[in-house]
């Protein structure tokens, strides 16, 4: 006759161990699923905020655009808000009349940065030692100081001009509309930096365009 009664202790131990393993597997699956969901969201987010690889169109309607080719490669402002460090910006500018009593002349200051492929950025400001301010459309290349800084610490400027370099050299304001408060134009030039003792390095800027508004403006990418 078969005996009945309490289950053997080793059977109870085995069932308890099995239940513990099942709970652990469920927990691992739950957290792993959460991890993969988070990773998927981050990937999608990165794809959404990736910078465009095309220059903005040339416009004259105050679209707050800026871009050019640097040594033949598209360069547009791009800096995620989360990654901003002191002194960095995607696009910041200040365009104002010099005097409160008149809409002309104007003052221009533009900072544009890009955090991809190493950090780089443009600083464009008025050169007061060579300019009686800006009164209208035209080539103002000699009235502005232009810096292009790269992550290595090298700064290229328009201070130096290589007489043997036969490349375009202009920062052209094509539209200066004080009524609608728009400043637009195009630019192309070569900037130089002294590297080492006597070596002159350069970057060639082509296809530049900007379409900005009067006032203070700043932005970064999500």
C-alpha atoms as a PDB file:
ATOM      1  CA  UNK A   1       0.000   0.000   0.000  1.00  0.00           C
ATOM      2  CA  UNK A   2       1.294   3.474  -0.940  1.00  0.00           C
ATOM      3  CA  UNK A   3       1.940   5.825   1.984  1.00  0.00           C
ATOM      4  CA  UNK A   4       0.356   9.275   1.990  1.00  0.00           C
ATOM      5  CA  UNK A   5       1.242  12.427   3.925  1.00  0.00           C
ATOM      6  CA  UNK A   6       3.674  15.352   3.713  1.00  0.00           C
ATOM      7  CA  UNK A   7       5.826  15.682   0.651  1.00  0.00           C
ATOM      8  CA  UNK A   8       9.495  14.837   1.045  1.00  0.00           C
ATOM      9  CA  UNK A   9      11.621  17.809   2.188  1.00  0.00           C
ATOM     10  CA  UNK A  10      13.821  17.625  -0.898  1.00  0.00           C
ATOM     11  CA  UNK A  11      10.735  17.984  -3.094  1.00  0.00           C
ATOM     12  CA  UNK A  12       9.657  21.134  -1.258  1.00  0.00           C
ATOM     13  CA  UNK A  13      13.172  22.534  -1.528  1.00  0.00           C
ATOM     14  CA  UNK A  14      13.236  21.863  -5.262  1.00  0.00           C
ATOM     15  CA  UNK A  15       9.886  23.601  -5.814  1.00  0.00           C
ATOM     16  CA  UNK A  16      11.019  26.633  -3.806  1.00  0.00           C
ATOM     17  CA  UNK A  17      14.245  26.840  -5.796  1.00  0.00           C
ATOM     18  CA  UNK A  18      12.315  26.536  -9.060  1.00  0.00           C
ATOM     19  CA  UNK A  19       9.949  29.345  -8.068  1.00  0.00           C
ATOM     20  CA  UNK A  20      12.921  31.545  -7.105  1.00  0.00           C
ATOM     21  CA  UNK A  21      14.583  30.906 -10.487  1.00  0.00           C
ATOM     22  CA  UNK A  22      11.334  31.745 -12.310  1.00  0.00           C
ATOM     23  CA  UNK A  23      10.987  35.023 -10.381  1.00  0.00           C
ATOM     24  CA  UNK A  24      14.606  35.927 -11.173  1.00  0.00           C
ATOM     25  CA  UNK A  25      14.130  35.187 -14.861  1.00  0.00           C
ATOM     26  CA  UNK A  26      10.990  37.326 -14.942  1.00  0.00           C
ATOM     27  CA  UNK A  27      12.844  40.172 -13.239  1.00  0.00           C
ATOM     28  CA  UNK A  28      15.816  39.881 -15.604  1.00  0.00           C
ATOM     29  CA  UNK A  29      13.509  39.832 -18.629  1.00  0.00           C
ATOM     30  CA  UNK A  30      11.574  42.846 -17.341  1.00  0.00           C
ATOM     31  CA  UNK A  31      14.693  44.962 -16.776  1.00  0.00           C
ATOM     32  CA  UNK A  32      16.361  43.769 -19.975  1.00  0.00           C
ATOM     33  CA  UNK A  33      13.228  44.673 -21.919  1.00  0.00           C
ATOM     34  CA  UNK A  34      13.281  48.092 -20.272  1.00  0.00           C
ATOM     35  CA  UNK A  35      16.953  48.486 -21.157  1.00  0.00           C
ATOM     36  CA  UNK A  36      16.330  47.657 -24.805  1.00  0.00           C
ATOM     37  CA  UNK A  37      13.352  50.014 -24.920  1.00  0.00           C
ATOM     38  CA  UNK A  38      15.489  52.805 -23.474  1.00  0.00           C
ATOM     39  CA  UNK A  39      18.267  52.045 -25.967  1.00  0.00           C
ATOM     40  CA  UNK A  40      15.760  52.081 -28.833  1.00  0.00           C
ATOM     41  CA  UNK A  41      14.365  55.454 -27.700  1.00  0.00           C
ATOM     42  CA  UNK A  42      17.875  56.911 -27.455  1.00  0.00           C
ATOM     43  CA  UNK A  43      18.744  55.682 -30.951  1.00  0.00           C
ATOM     44  CA  UNK A  44      15.554  57.164 -32.390  1.00  0.00           C
ATOM     45  CA  UNK A  45      16.209  60.413 -30.524  1.00  0.00           C
ATOM     46  CA  UNK A  46      19.755  60.624 -31.890  1.00  0.00           C
ATOM     47  CA  UNK A  47      18.508  60.020 -35.413  1.00  0.00           C
ATOM     48  CA  UNK A  48      15.908  62.765 -35.050  1.00  0.00           C
ATOM     49  CA  UNK A  49      18.413  65.321 -33.808  1.00  0.00           C
ATOM     50  CA  UNK A  50      21.216  64.486 -36.239  1.00  0.00           C
ATOM     51  CA  UNK A  51      22.336  67.534 -38.215  1.00  0.00           C
ATOM     52  CA  UNK A  52      21.386  67.962 -41.842  1.00  0.00           C
ATOM     53  CA  UNK A  53      24.125  67.331 -44.376  1.00  0.00           C
ATOM     54  CA  UNK A  54      22.928  70.034 -46.763  1.00  0.00           C
ATOM     55  CA  UNK A  55      23.479  73.768 -46.741  1.00  0.00           C
ATOM     56  CA  UNK A  56      20.386  75.873 -46.102  1.00  0.00           C
ATOM     57  CA  UNK A  57      19.026  77.609 -49.193  1.00  0.00           C
ATOM     58  CA  UNK A  58      20.014  81.214 -49.887  1.00  0.00           C
ATOM     59  CA  UNK A  59      17.087  83.266 -48.581  1.00  0.00           C
ATOM     60  CA  UNK A  60      16.385  86.877 -47.649  1.00  0.00           C
ATOM     61  CA  UNK A  61      13.437  86.562 -45.285  1.00  0.00           C
ATOM     62  CA  UNK A  62      15.029  86.265 -41.825  1.00  0.00           C
ATOM     63  CA  UNK A  63      15.086  82.453 -41.560  1.00  0.00           C
ATOM     64  CA  UNK A  64      17.912  82.445 -38.960  1.00  0.00           C
ATOM     65  CA  UNK A  65      20.139  80.295 -41.146  1.00  0.00           C
ATOM     66  CA  UNK A  66      23.919  80.143 -41.526  1.00  0.00           C
ATOM     67  CA  UNK A  67      26.162  77.728 -43.389  1.00  0.00           C
ATOM     68  CA  UNK A  68      29.105  77.262 -45.747  1.00  0.00           C
ATOM     69  CA  UNK A  69      31.643  74.775 -47.064  1.00  0.00           C
ATOM     70  CA  UNK A  70      34.899  74.423 -45.114  1.00  0.00           C
ATOM     71  CA  UNK A  71      37.584  72.956 -47.375  1.00  0.00           C
ATOM     72  CA  UNK A  72      34.796  71.564 -49.551  1.00  0.00           C
ATOM     73  CA  UNK A  73      32.836  69.961 -46.687  1.00  0.00           C
ATOM     74  CA  UNK A  74      29.387  71.177 -45.628  1.00  0.00           C
ATOM     75  CA  UNK A  75      29.482  73.083 -42.339  1.00  0.00           C
ATOM     76  CA  UNK A  76      26.289  74.159 -40.580  1.00  0.00           C
ATOM     77  CA  UNK A  77      25.668  75.147 -36.955  1.00  0.00           C
ATOM     78  CA  UNK A  78      24.814  72.158 -34.740  1.00  0.00           C
ATOM     79  CA  UNK A  79      25.164  71.767 -30.990  1.00  0.00           C
ATOM     80  CA  UNK A  80      22.853  69.758 -28.742  1.00  0.00           C
ATOM     81  CA  UNK A  81      21.525  71.692 -25.761  1.00  0.00           C
ATOM     82  CA  UNK A  82      22.514  68.795 -23.480  1.00  0.00           C
ATOM     83  CA  UNK A  83      26.137  68.989 -24.654  1.00  0.00           C
ATOM     84  CA  UNK A  84      26.652  72.742 -24.416  1.00  0.00           C
ATOM     85  CA  UNK A  85      29.747  73.823 -22.526  1.00  0.00           C
ATOM     86  CA  UNK A  86      30.819  77.276 -21.378  1.00  0.00           C
ATOM     87  CA  UNK A  87      31.310  79.590 -24.331  1.00  0.00           C
ATOM     88  CA  UNK A  88      29.731  77.187 -26.851  1.00  0.00           C
ATOM     89  CA  UNK A  89      26.642  77.796 -28.947  1.00  0.00           C
ATOM     90  CA  UNK A  90      24.953  76.466 -32.056  1.00  0.00           C
ATOM     91  CA  UNK A  91      23.930  79.897 -33.321  1.00  0.00           C
ATOM     92  CA  UNK A  92      24.019  83.126 -31.327  1.00  0.00           C
ATOM     93  CA  UNK A  93      23.983  86.622 -32.728  1.00  0.00           C
ATOM     94  CA  UNK A  94      23.427  90.234 -31.841  1.00  0.00           C
ATOM     95  CA  UNK A  95      22.419  92.648 -34.598  1.00  0.00           C
ATOM     96  CA  UNK A  96      21.420  96.109 -33.436  1.00  0.00           C
ATOM     97  CA  UNK A  97      21.447  99.739 -34.535  1.00  0.00           C
ATOM     98  CA  UNK A  98      24.450 101.541 -33.068  1.00  0.00           C
ATOM     99  CA  UNK A  99      22.360 104.516 -31.977  1.00  0.00           C
ATOM    100  CA  UNK A 100      18.934 104.477 -30.342  1.00  0.00           C
ATOM    101  CA  UNK A 101      17.854 107.467 -32.427  1.00  0.00           C
ATOM    102  CA  UNK A 102      18.500 105.900 -35.843  1.00  0.00           C
ATOM    103  CA  UNK A 103      18.088 102.500 -37.563  1.00  0.00           C
ATOM    104  CA  UNK A 104      21.483 102.876 -39.272  1.00  0.00           C
ATOM    105  CA  UNK A 105      24.326 102.132 -38.930  1.00  0.00           C
ATOM    106  CA  UNK A 106      24.130  98.631 -37.427  1.00  0.00           C
ATOM    107  CA  UNK A 107      26.422  96.436 -35.357  1.00  0.00           C
ATOM    108  CA  UNK A 108      26.876  92.721 -36.176  1.00  0.00           C
ATOM    109  CA  UNK A 109      28.196  89.913 -33.954  1.00  0.00           C
ATOM    110  CA  UNK A 110      27.686  86.238 -34.888  1.00  0.00           C
ATOM    111  CA  UNK A 111      28.849  83.028 -33.153  1.00  0.00           C
ATOM    112  CA  UNK A 112      28.157  79.680 -34.832  1.00  0.00           C
ATOM    113  CA  UNK A 113      29.369  76.317 -33.543  1.00  0.00           C
ATOM    114  CA  UNK A 114      29.368  72.661 -34.543  1.00  0.00           C
ATOM    115  CA  UNK A 115      30.113  69.845 -32.075  1.00  0.00           C
ATOM    116  CA  UNK A 116      30.345  66.977 -34.599  1.00  0.00           C
ATOM    117  CA  UNK A 117      33.686  65.714 -35.968  1.00  0.00           C
ATOM    118  CA  UNK A 118      35.469  67.609 -33.224  1.00  0.00           C
ATOM    119  CA  UNK A 119      34.345  71.021 -32.090  1.00  0.00           C
ATOM    120  CA  UNK A 120      34.634  73.975 -34.455  1.00  0.00           C
ATOM    121  CA  UNK A 121      33.091  77.390 -34.745  1.00  0.00           C
ATOM    122  CA  UNK A 122      32.930  80.791 -36.388  1.00  0.00           C
ATOM    123  CA  UNK A 123      33.169  84.128 -34.597  1.00  0.00           C
ATOM    124  CA  UNK A 124      32.282  87.118 -36.785  1.00  0.00           C
ATOM    125  CA  UNK A 125      32.431  90.580 -35.266  1.00  0.00           C
ATOM    126  CA  UNK A 126      32.777  94.110 -36.439  1.00  0.00           C
ATOM    127  CA  UNK A 127      36.285  95.481 -36.779  1.00  0.00           C
ATOM    128  CA  UNK A 128      35.857  98.951 -35.300  1.00  0.00           C
ATOM    129  CA  UNK A 129      39.408  99.961 -36.133  1.00  0.00           C
ATOM    130  CA  UNK A 130      38.672  99.613 -39.856  1.00  0.00           C
ATOM    131  CA  UNK A 131      34.981 100.424 -40.066  1.00  0.00           C
ATOM    132  CA  UNK A 132      32.640 103.338 -39.645  1.00  0.00           C
ATOM    133  CA  UNK A 133      29.913 100.773 -38.957  1.00  0.00           C
ATOM    134  CA  UNK A 134      27.577  99.230 -41.531  1.00  0.00           C
ATOM    135  CA  UNK A 135      25.180 101.486 -43.406  1.00  0.00           C
ATOM    136  CA  UNK A 136      23.908  99.311 -46.254  1.00  0.00           C
ATOM    137  CA  UNK A 137      24.434  96.359 -48.617  1.00  0.00           C
ATOM    138  CA  UNK A 138      27.892  95.623 -49.996  1.00  0.00           C
ATOM    139  CA  UNK A 139      31.117  93.743 -49.350  1.00  0.00           C
ATOM    140  CA  UNK A 140      32.099  94.333 -45.697  1.00  0.00           C
ATOM    141  CA  UNK A 141      34.984  91.814 -45.550  1.00  0.00           C
ATOM    142  CA  UNK A 142      37.396  94.516 -44.324  1.00  0.00           C
ATOM    143  CA  UNK A 143      34.909  95.736 -41.725  1.00  0.00           C
ATOM    144  CA  UNK A 144      34.583  92.419 -39.858  1.00  0.00           C
ATOM    145  CA  UNK A 145      36.966  90.223 -37.872  1.00  0.00           C
ATOM    146  CA  UNK A 146      36.468  86.540 -38.715  1.00  0.00           C
ATOM    147  CA  UNK A 147      37.766  83.641 -36.622  1.00  0.00           C
ATOM    148  CA  UNK A 148      37.348  79.936 -37.355  1.00  0.00           C
ATOM    149  CA  UNK A 149      38.422  77.784 -34.419  1.00  0.00           C
ATOM    150  CA  UNK A 150      38.920  74.009 -34.486  1.00  0.00           C
ATOM    151  CA  UNK A 151      39.102  71.508 -31.651  1.00  0.00           C
ATOM    152  CA  UNK A 152      42.870  71.162 -31.919  1.00  0.00           C
ATOM    153  CA  UNK A 153      43.186  74.746 -30.665  1.00  0.00           C
ATOM    154  CA  UNK A 154      44.118  76.295 -34.013  1.00  0.00           C
ATOM    155  CA  UNK A 155      42.427  79.587 -34.888  1.00  0.00           C
ATOM    156  CA  UNK A 156      42.202  80.743 -38.505  1.00  0.00           C
ATOM    157  CA  UNK A 157      41.560  84.426 -39.131  1.00  0.00           C
ATOM    158  CA  UNK A 158      41.213  87.013 -41.872  1.00  0.00           C
ATOM    159  CA  UNK A 159      44.009  89.089 -40.333  1.00  0.00           C
ATOM    160  CA  UNK A 160      46.564  87.657 -42.756  1.00  0.00           C
ATOM    161  CA  UNK A 161      46.234  87.743 -46.514  1.00  0.00           C
ATOM    162  CA  UNK A 162      48.367  85.603 -48.783  1.00  0.00           C
ATOM    163  CA  UNK A 163      49.103  87.671 -51.910  1.00  0.00           C
ATOM    164  CA  UNK A 164      49.683  84.483 -53.899  1.00  0.00           C
ATOM    165  CA  UNK A 165      46.266  83.043 -53.060  1.00  0.00           C
ATOM    166  CA  UNK A 166      43.829  83.689 -55.888  1.00  0.00           C
ATOM    167  CA  UNK A 167      40.499  82.857 -54.194  1.00  0.00           C
ATOM    168  CA  UNK A 168      37.253  84.812 -53.678  1.00  0.00           C
ATOM    169  CA  UNK A 169      37.286  87.189 -50.732  1.00  0.00           C
ATOM    170  CA  UNK A 170      33.970  88.731 -49.734  1.00  0.00           C
ATOM    171  CA  UNK A 171      31.379  88.995 -46.975  1.00  0.00           C
ATOM    172  CA  UNK A 172      28.528  90.443 -48.960  1.00  0.00           C
ATOM    173  CA  UNK A 173      25.382  91.898 -47.418  1.00  0.00           C
ATOM    174  CA  UNK A 174      22.786  91.524 -50.166  1.00  0.00           C
ATOM    175  CA  UNK A 175      19.815  92.693 -48.104  1.00  0.00           C
ATOM    176  CA  UNK A 176      19.748  95.163 -45.210  1.00  0.00           C
ATOM    177  CA  UNK A 177      16.088  95.815 -44.468  1.00  0.00           C
ATOM    178  CA  UNK A 178      15.631  98.100 -41.456  1.00  0.00           C
ATOM    179  CA  UNK A 179      11.839  98.045 -41.808  1.00  0.00           C
ATOM    180  CA  UNK A 180      11.451  94.254 -41.599  1.00  0.00           C
ATOM    181  CA  UNK A 181      14.696  93.945 -39.595  1.00  0.00           C
ATOM    182  CA  UNK A 182      16.472  91.448 -41.863  1.00  0.00           C
ATOM    183  CA  UNK A 183      20.171  91.076 -42.731  1.00  0.00           C
ATOM    184  CA  UNK A 184      21.065  88.521 -45.408  1.00  0.00           C
ATOM    185  CA  UNK A 185      24.015  87.754 -47.636  1.00  0.00           C
ATOM    186  CA  UNK A 186      26.735  85.430 -48.859  1.00  0.00           C
ATOM    187  CA  UNK A 187      30.441  84.954 -48.161  1.00  0.00           C
ATOM    188  CA  UNK A 188      33.593  83.229 -49.344  1.00  0.00           C
ATOM    189  CA  UNK A 189      37.198  83.723 -48.235  1.00  0.00           C
ATOM    190  CA  UNK A 190      40.381  81.996 -47.137  1.00  0.00           C
ATOM    191  CA  UNK A 191      41.440  82.165 -43.490  1.00  0.00           C
ATOM    192  CA  UNK A 192      45.013  81.666 -42.293  1.00  0.00           C
ATOM    193  CA  UNK A 193      46.755  80.479 -39.162  1.00  0.00           C
ATOM    194  CA  UNK A 194      50.422  80.401 -38.237  1.00  0.00           C
ATOM    195  CA  UNK A 195      51.293  76.841 -37.215  1.00  0.00           C
ATOM    196  CA  UNK A 196      54.711  76.205 -35.736  1.00  0.00           C
ATOM    197  CA  UNK A 197      57.447  78.754 -36.452  1.00  0.00           C
ATOM    198  CA  UNK A 198      56.832  79.971 -39.991  1.00  0.00           C
ATOM    199  CA  UNK A 199      54.294  77.580 -41.515  1.00  0.00           C
ATOM    200  CA  UNK A 200      51.147  79.264 -42.842  1.00  0.00           C
ATOM    201  CA  UNK A 201      48.111  76.962 -42.783  1.00  0.00           C
ATOM    202  CA  UNK A 202      44.718  77.840 -44.269  1.00  0.00           C
ATOM    203  CA  UNK A 203      41.062  76.876 -44.573  1.00  0.00           C
ATOM    204  CA  UNK A 204      39.021  77.762 -47.661  1.00  0.00           C
ATOM    205  CA  UNK A 205      35.449  78.905 -47.035  1.00  0.00           C
ATOM    206  CA  UNK A 206      33.050  78.764 -50.005  1.00  0.00           C
ATOM    207  CA  UNK A 207      29.311  78.839 -50.611  1.00  0.00           C
ATOM    208  CA  UNK A 208      28.615  80.792 -47.425  1.00  0.00           C
ATOM    209  CA  UNK A 209      25.160  82.165 -46.749  1.00  0.00           C
ATOM    210  CA  UNK A 210      23.319  83.799 -43.846  1.00  0.00           C
ATOM    211  CA  UNK A 211      19.777  85.047 -43.295  1.00  0.00           C
ATOM    212  CA  UNK A 212      19.345  86.729 -39.902  1.00  0.00           C
ATOM    213  CA  UNK A 213      17.152  89.210 -38.071  1.00  0.00           C
ATOM    214  CA  UNK A 214      17.783  92.303 -35.986  1.00  0.00           C
ATOM    215  CA  UNK A 215      17.951  91.623 -32.246  1.00  0.00           C
ATOM    216  CA  UNK A 216      19.458  89.034 -29.910  1.00  0.00           C
ATOM    217  CA  UNK A 217      19.073  85.409 -30.891  1.00  0.00           C
ATOM    218  CA  UNK A 218      20.381  82.076 -29.595  1.00  0.00           C
ATOM    219  CA  UNK A 219      19.519  78.432 -30.206  1.00  0.00           C
ATOM    220  CA  UNK A 220      20.703  74.852 -29.675  1.00  0.00           C
ATOM    221  CA  UNK A 221      19.411  71.485 -30.903  1.00  0.00           C
ATOM    222  CA  UNK A 222      17.302  69.071 -28.803  1.00  0.00           C
END
